[in-house]
């Protein structure tokens, strides 16, 4: 019985997709990564955006969200601004790959 449960959990994880994005700032025409900034992962609940999770950017400006089911509509929020303008949908990718969220320049 435990083997069946373990196989089921591994199968669900195999269908999950990982997301990544980057925050940058334009300084004199050069884009520099923004470190230690909170990025909120927002999901569409049918009537509006609801916070689901958050990440903090690393020294390279990248943030990551792991193990999401394909088909979920989402966006990210940084300092109260939602990105991108149109919601994205989580794709059905292998867990080894990342679905890239367009870079956010401030």
N, C-alpha and C. Protein backbone atom coordinates (compact mmCIF):
# COMPACT_ATOMS: atom_id res chain seq x y z
N UNK A 1 0.82 -1.19 0.00
CA UNK A 1 0.00 0.00 0.00
C UNK A 1 0.87 1.26 0.00
N UNK A 2 1.91 1.27 0.83
CA UNK A 2 2.81 2.43 0.88
C UNK A 2 3.51 2.64 -0.46
N UNK A 3 3.81 1.56 -1.16
CA UNK A 3 4.45 1.66 -2.47
C UNK A 3 3.52 2.37 -3.46
N UNK A 4 2.24 2.05 -3.41
CA UNK A 4 1.28 2.69 -4.31
C UNK A 4 1.18 4.18 -4.01
N UNK A 5 1.12 4.54 -2.75
CA UNK A 5 1.06 5.95 -2.36
C UNK A 5 2.32 6.68 -2.83
N UNK A 6 3.47 6.08 -2.62
CA UNK A 6 4.74 6.70 -3.03
C UNK A 6 4.79 6.89 -4.55
N UNK A 7 4.35 5.89 -5.31
CA UNK A 7 4.33 6.00 -6.76
C UNK A 7 3.36 7.08 -7.23
N UNK A 8 2.22 7.19 -6.57
CA UNK A 8 1.24 8.22 -6.92
C UNK A 8 1.81 9.60 -6.67
N UNK A 9 2.45 9.80 -5.54
CA UNK A 9 3.06 11.10 -5.22
C UNK A 9 4.16 11.45 -6.21
N UNK A 10 4.99 10.47 -6.58
CA UNK A 10 6.05 10.71 -7.55
C UNK A 10 5.47 11.04 -8.92
N UNK A 11 4.36 10.41 -9.30
CA UNK A 11 3.72 10.69 -10.59
C UNK A 11 3.20 12.12 -10.61
N UNK A 12 2.55 12.56 -9.53
CA UNK A 12 2.03 13.93 -9.46
C UNK A 12 3.17 14.93 -9.52
N UNK A 13 4.26 14.65 -8.86
CA UNK A 13 5.41 15.54 -8.88
C UNK A 13 6.02 15.60 -10.28
N UNK A 14 5.98 14.48 -11.00
CA UNK A 14 6.54 14.44 -12.35
C UNK A 14 5.74 15.34 -13.30
N UNK A 15 4.46 15.58 -13.01
CA UNK A 15 3.65 16.45 -13.85
C UNK A 15 3.83 17.92 -13.48
N UNK A 16 4.50 18.22 -12.37
CA UNK A 16 4.64 19.59 -11.89
C UNK A 16 5.63 20.37 -12.74
N UNK A 17 5.44 21.69 -12.77
CA UNK A 17 6.31 22.59 -13.53
C UNK A 17 6.94 23.60 -12.58
N UNK A 18 8.17 23.95 -12.85
CA UNK A 18 8.89 24.96 -12.08
C UNK A 18 8.92 26.28 -12.85
N UNK A 19 8.88 27.38 -12.14
CA UNK A 19 8.88 28.71 -12.75
C UNK A 19 10.10 29.49 -12.29
N UNK A 20 10.59 30.38 -13.16
CA UNK A 20 11.65 31.29 -12.74
C UNK A 20 11.51 32.61 -13.49
N UNK A 21 12.00 33.66 -12.86
CA UNK A 21 11.98 34.98 -13.45
C UNK A 21 13.11 35.81 -12.87
N UNK A 22 13.27 37.01 -13.37
CA UNK A 22 14.35 37.88 -12.90
C UNK A 22 13.85 39.32 -12.79
N UNK A 23 14.29 40.00 -11.74
CA UNK A 23 14.04 41.42 -11.57
C UNK A 23 15.33 42.18 -11.86
N UNK A 24 15.20 43.23 -12.67
CA UNK A 24 16.37 44.06 -13.00
C UNK A 24 15.97 45.53 -12.90
N UNK A 25 16.97 46.38 -12.78
CA UNK A 25 16.76 47.82 -12.76
C UNK A 25 17.61 48.44 -13.85
N UNK A 26 17.01 49.38 -14.59
CA UNK A 26 17.72 50.09 -15.65
C UNK A 26 18.44 51.28 -15.01
N UNK A 27 19.76 51.21 -15.01
CA UNK A 27 20.58 52.28 -14.45
C UNK A 27 21.50 52.76 -15.56
N UNK A 28 21.20 53.96 -16.09
CA UNK A 28 22.02 54.53 -17.16
C UNK A 28 22.08 53.68 -18.41
N UNK A 29 20.99 53.00 -18.75
CA UNK A 29 20.95 52.18 -19.95
C UNK A 29 21.49 50.77 -19.75
N UNK A 30 21.92 50.43 -18.53
CA UNK A 30 22.42 49.10 -18.22
C UNK A 30 21.47 48.44 -17.22
N UNK A 31 21.09 47.19 -17.51
CA UNK A 31 20.22 46.46 -16.60
C UNK A 31 21.04 45.73 -15.56
N UNK A 32 20.71 46.00 -14.29
CA UNK A 32 21.41 45.37 -13.17
C UNK A 32 20.40 44.57 -12.34
N UNK A 33 20.81 43.39 -11.85
CA UNK A 33 19.88 42.56 -11.08
C UNK A 33 19.49 43.22 -9.76
N UNK A 34 18.26 42.99 -9.35
CA UNK A 34 17.77 43.47 -8.05
C UNK A 34 17.76 42.30 -7.07
N UNK A 35 18.51 42.42 -6.00
CA UNK A 35 18.61 41.35 -5.00
C UNK A 35 17.72 41.66 -3.80
N UNK A 36 17.31 40.60 -3.11
CA UNK A 36 16.56 40.69 -1.86
C UNK A 36 15.23 41.43 -1.99
N UNK A 37 14.53 41.19 -3.10
CA UNK A 37 13.21 41.79 -3.32
C UNK A 37 12.16 40.69 -3.26
N UNK A 38 11.07 40.96 -2.56
CA UNK A 38 9.98 39.98 -2.45
C UNK A 38 9.16 39.98 -3.75
N UNK A 39 8.88 38.77 -4.25
CA UNK A 39 8.04 38.57 -5.43
C UNK A 39 6.90 37.65 -5.00
N UNK A 40 5.67 38.14 -5.14
CA UNK A 40 4.50 37.36 -4.75
C UNK A 40 3.93 36.62 -5.95
N UNK A 41 3.65 35.35 -5.77
CA UNK A 41 3.03 34.50 -6.79
C UNK A 41 1.53 34.59 -6.57
N UNK A 42 0.81 35.07 -7.59
CA UNK A 42 -0.63 35.29 -7.49
C UNK A 42 -1.36 34.34 -8.43
N UNK A 43 -2.44 33.74 -7.96
CA UNK A 43 -3.25 32.84 -8.79
C UNK A 43 -4.63 33.45 -8.99
N UNK A 44 -5.21 33.16 -10.14
CA UNK A 44 -6.55 33.64 -10.46
C UNK A 44 -7.55 32.70 -9.82
N UNK A 45 -8.42 33.22 -8.95
CA UNK A 45 -9.40 32.37 -8.26
C UNK A 45 -10.79 32.45 -8.87
N UNK A 46 -10.89 33.06 -10.05
CA UNK A 46 -12.18 33.18 -10.73
C UNK A 46 -12.81 34.55 -10.58
N UNK A 47 -12.44 35.27 -9.53
CA UNK A 47 -12.98 36.63 -9.33
C UNK A 47 -11.88 37.67 -9.16
N UNK A 48 -10.67 37.22 -8.92
CA UNK A 48 -9.57 38.16 -8.72
C UNK A 48 -8.28 37.42 -8.42
N UNK A 49 -7.21 38.17 -8.21
CA UNK A 49 -5.91 37.59 -7.90
C UNK A 49 -5.80 37.33 -6.41
N UNK A 50 -5.31 36.14 -6.07
CA UNK A 50 -5.13 35.76 -4.68
C UNK A 50 -3.67 35.38 -4.46
N UNK A 51 -3.06 35.86 -3.37
CA UNK A 51 -1.67 35.48 -3.08
C UNK A 51 -1.59 33.99 -2.76
N UNK A 52 -0.56 33.35 -3.30
CA UNK A 52 -0.39 31.92 -3.09
C UNK A 52 0.94 31.59 -2.42
N UNK A 53 1.98 32.28 -2.86
CA UNK A 53 3.32 32.02 -2.34
C UNK A 53 4.18 33.25 -2.62
N UNK A 54 5.39 33.23 -2.10
CA UNK A 54 6.31 34.31 -2.43
C UNK A 54 7.74 33.78 -2.45
N UNK A 55 8.60 34.55 -3.09
CA UNK A 55 10.03 34.23 -3.14
C UNK A 55 10.81 35.53 -2.97
N UNK A 56 12.06 35.40 -2.61
CA UNK A 56 12.97 36.54 -2.49
C UNK A 56 14.05 36.38 -3.55
N UNK A 57 14.30 37.45 -4.31
CA UNK A 57 15.30 37.36 -5.37
C UNK A 57 16.69 37.16 -4.77
N UNK A 58 17.51 36.42 -5.51
CA UNK A 58 18.89 36.20 -5.12
C UNK A 58 19.78 37.34 -5.62
N UNK A 59 21.06 37.21 -5.42
CA UNK A 59 22.02 38.22 -5.85
C UNK A 59 22.01 38.45 -7.35
N UNK A 60 21.54 37.47 -8.10
CA UNK A 60 21.46 37.59 -9.56
C UNK A 60 20.11 38.12 -10.03
N UNK A 61 19.23 38.47 -9.06
CA UNK A 61 17.91 38.99 -9.40
C UNK A 61 16.88 37.92 -9.73
N UNK A 62 17.28 36.65 -9.73
CA UNK A 62 16.36 35.56 -10.09
C UNK A 62 15.54 35.12 -8.87
N UNK A 63 14.32 34.69 -9.17
CA UNK A 63 13.44 34.09 -8.18
C UNK A 63 12.85 32.82 -8.79
N UNK A 64 12.43 31.90 -7.92
CA UNK A 64 11.96 30.59 -8.37
C UNK A 64 10.71 30.20 -7.61
N UNK A 65 9.79 29.55 -8.32
CA UNK A 65 8.63 28.92 -7.72
C UNK A 65 8.61 27.48 -8.23
N UNK A 66 8.44 26.52 -7.32
CA UNK A 66 8.58 25.11 -7.69
C UNK A 66 7.29 24.32 -7.54
N UNK A 67 7.14 23.34 -8.43
CA UNK A 67 6.10 22.30 -8.35
C UNK A 67 4.67 22.83 -8.44
N UNK A 68 4.33 23.40 -9.59
CA UNK A 68 2.96 23.86 -9.82
C UNK A 68 2.30 23.03 -10.92
N UNK A 69 1.01 22.80 -10.77
CA UNK A 69 0.26 22.01 -11.73
C UNK A 69 0.01 22.80 -13.01
N UNK A 70 0.16 22.16 -14.16
CA UNK A 70 -0.12 22.82 -15.43
C UNK A 70 -1.57 23.30 -15.50
N UNK A 71 -1.77 24.39 -16.25
CA UNK A 71 -3.10 24.93 -16.47
C UNK A 71 -3.48 26.06 -15.53
N UNK A 72 -2.75 26.24 -14.44
CA UNK A 72 -3.04 27.29 -13.47
C UNK A 72 -2.74 28.66 -14.06
N UNK A 73 -3.66 29.62 -13.94
CA UNK A 73 -3.43 30.99 -14.40
C UNK A 73 -2.77 31.76 -13.27
N UNK A 74 -1.71 32.53 -13.61
CA UNK A 74 -0.96 33.22 -12.58
C UNK A 74 -0.35 34.51 -13.10
N UNK A 75 0.14 35.31 -12.17
CA UNK A 75 0.98 36.46 -12.44
C UNK A 75 1.86 36.63 -11.20
N UNK A 76 2.78 37.57 -11.24
CA UNK A 76 3.58 37.87 -10.06
C UNK A 76 3.36 39.34 -9.71
N UNK A 77 3.53 39.64 -8.43
CA UNK A 77 3.38 41.01 -7.95
C UNK A 77 4.67 41.44 -7.26
N UNK A 78 5.12 42.65 -7.61
CA UNK A 78 6.31 43.22 -7.00
C UNK A 78 5.94 44.63 -6.55
N UNK A 79 6.04 44.85 -5.24
CA UNK A 79 5.72 46.16 -4.66
C UNK A 79 4.35 46.67 -5.11
N UNK A 80 3.36 45.76 -5.14
CA UNK A 80 1.99 46.14 -5.46
C UNK A 80 1.67 46.26 -6.94
N UNK A 81 2.65 46.01 -7.81
CA UNK A 81 2.41 46.04 -9.26
C UNK A 81 2.37 44.61 -9.78
N UNK A 82 1.41 44.34 -10.68
CA UNK A 82 1.23 43.00 -11.22
C UNK A 82 1.92 42.88 -12.57
N UNK A 83 2.61 41.75 -12.78
CA UNK A 83 3.34 41.49 -14.03
C UNK A 83 3.05 40.07 -14.49
N UNK A 84 3.00 39.79 -15.76
CA UNK A 84 2.84 40.74 -16.85
C UNK A 84 1.42 41.28 -16.88
N UNK A 85 1.11 42.11 -17.88
CA UNK A 85 -0.22 42.71 -17.95
C UNK A 85 -1.30 41.67 -18.20
N UNK A 86 -0.99 40.64 -18.97
CA UNK A 86 -1.92 39.55 -19.24
C UNK A 86 -1.50 38.34 -18.40
N UNK A 87 -2.46 37.62 -17.81
CA UNK A 87 -2.09 36.45 -17.01
C UNK A 87 -1.38 35.39 -17.83
N UNK A 88 -0.52 34.66 -17.19
CA UNK A 88 0.18 33.54 -17.80
C UNK A 88 -0.47 32.24 -17.36
N UNK A 89 -0.23 31.17 -18.10
CA UNK A 89 -0.73 29.85 -17.75
C UNK A 89 0.46 28.93 -17.59
N UNK A 90 0.45 28.15 -16.52
CA UNK A 90 1.54 27.20 -16.29
C UNK A 90 1.48 26.12 -17.36
N UNK A 91 2.61 25.91 -18.02
CA UNK A 91 2.72 24.93 -19.10
C UNK A 91 3.03 23.55 -18.52
N UNK A 92 2.83 22.54 -19.31
CA UNK A 92 3.14 21.18 -18.91
C UNK A 92 4.56 20.86 -19.35
N UNK A 93 5.52 21.14 -18.47
CA UNK A 93 6.93 20.91 -18.76
C UNK A 93 7.48 19.82 -17.85
N UNK A 94 8.58 19.26 -18.26
CA UNK A 94 9.28 18.29 -17.43
C UNK A 94 9.82 19.01 -16.19
N UNK A 95 9.87 18.34 -15.04
CA UNK A 95 10.37 18.99 -13.83
C UNK A 95 11.82 19.48 -13.94
N UNK A 96 12.59 18.98 -14.90
CA UNK A 96 13.97 19.41 -15.05
C UNK A 96 14.06 20.80 -15.69
N UNK A 97 12.98 21.26 -16.32
CA UNK A 97 12.98 22.53 -17.03
C UNK A 97 12.21 23.59 -16.26
N UNK A 98 12.51 24.84 -16.57
CA UNK A 98 11.80 25.96 -15.98
C UNK A 98 10.97 26.66 -17.04
N UNK A 99 9.75 27.03 -16.67
CA UNK A 99 8.97 27.93 -17.49
C UNK A 99 9.42 29.33 -17.10
N UNK A 100 9.93 30.09 -18.05
CA UNK A 100 10.45 31.41 -17.75
C UNK A 100 9.35 32.46 -17.74
N UNK A 101 9.34 33.26 -16.72
CA UNK A 101 8.46 34.42 -16.60
C UNK A 101 9.24 35.59 -17.21
N UNK A 102 8.62 36.41 -18.06
CA UNK A 102 9.37 37.53 -18.66
C UNK A 102 10.05 38.39 -17.59
N UNK A 103 11.26 38.85 -17.89
CA UNK A 103 12.01 39.69 -16.95
C UNK A 103 11.22 40.94 -16.63
N UNK A 104 11.34 41.39 -15.41
CA UNK A 104 10.66 42.60 -14.93
C UNK A 104 11.71 43.66 -14.70
N UNK A 105 11.60 44.78 -15.43
CA UNK A 105 12.53 45.90 -15.28
C UNK A 105 11.84 47.02 -14.53
N UNK A 106 12.52 47.55 -13.53
CA UNK A 106 11.94 48.65 -12.74
C UNK A 106 12.71 49.93 -12.98
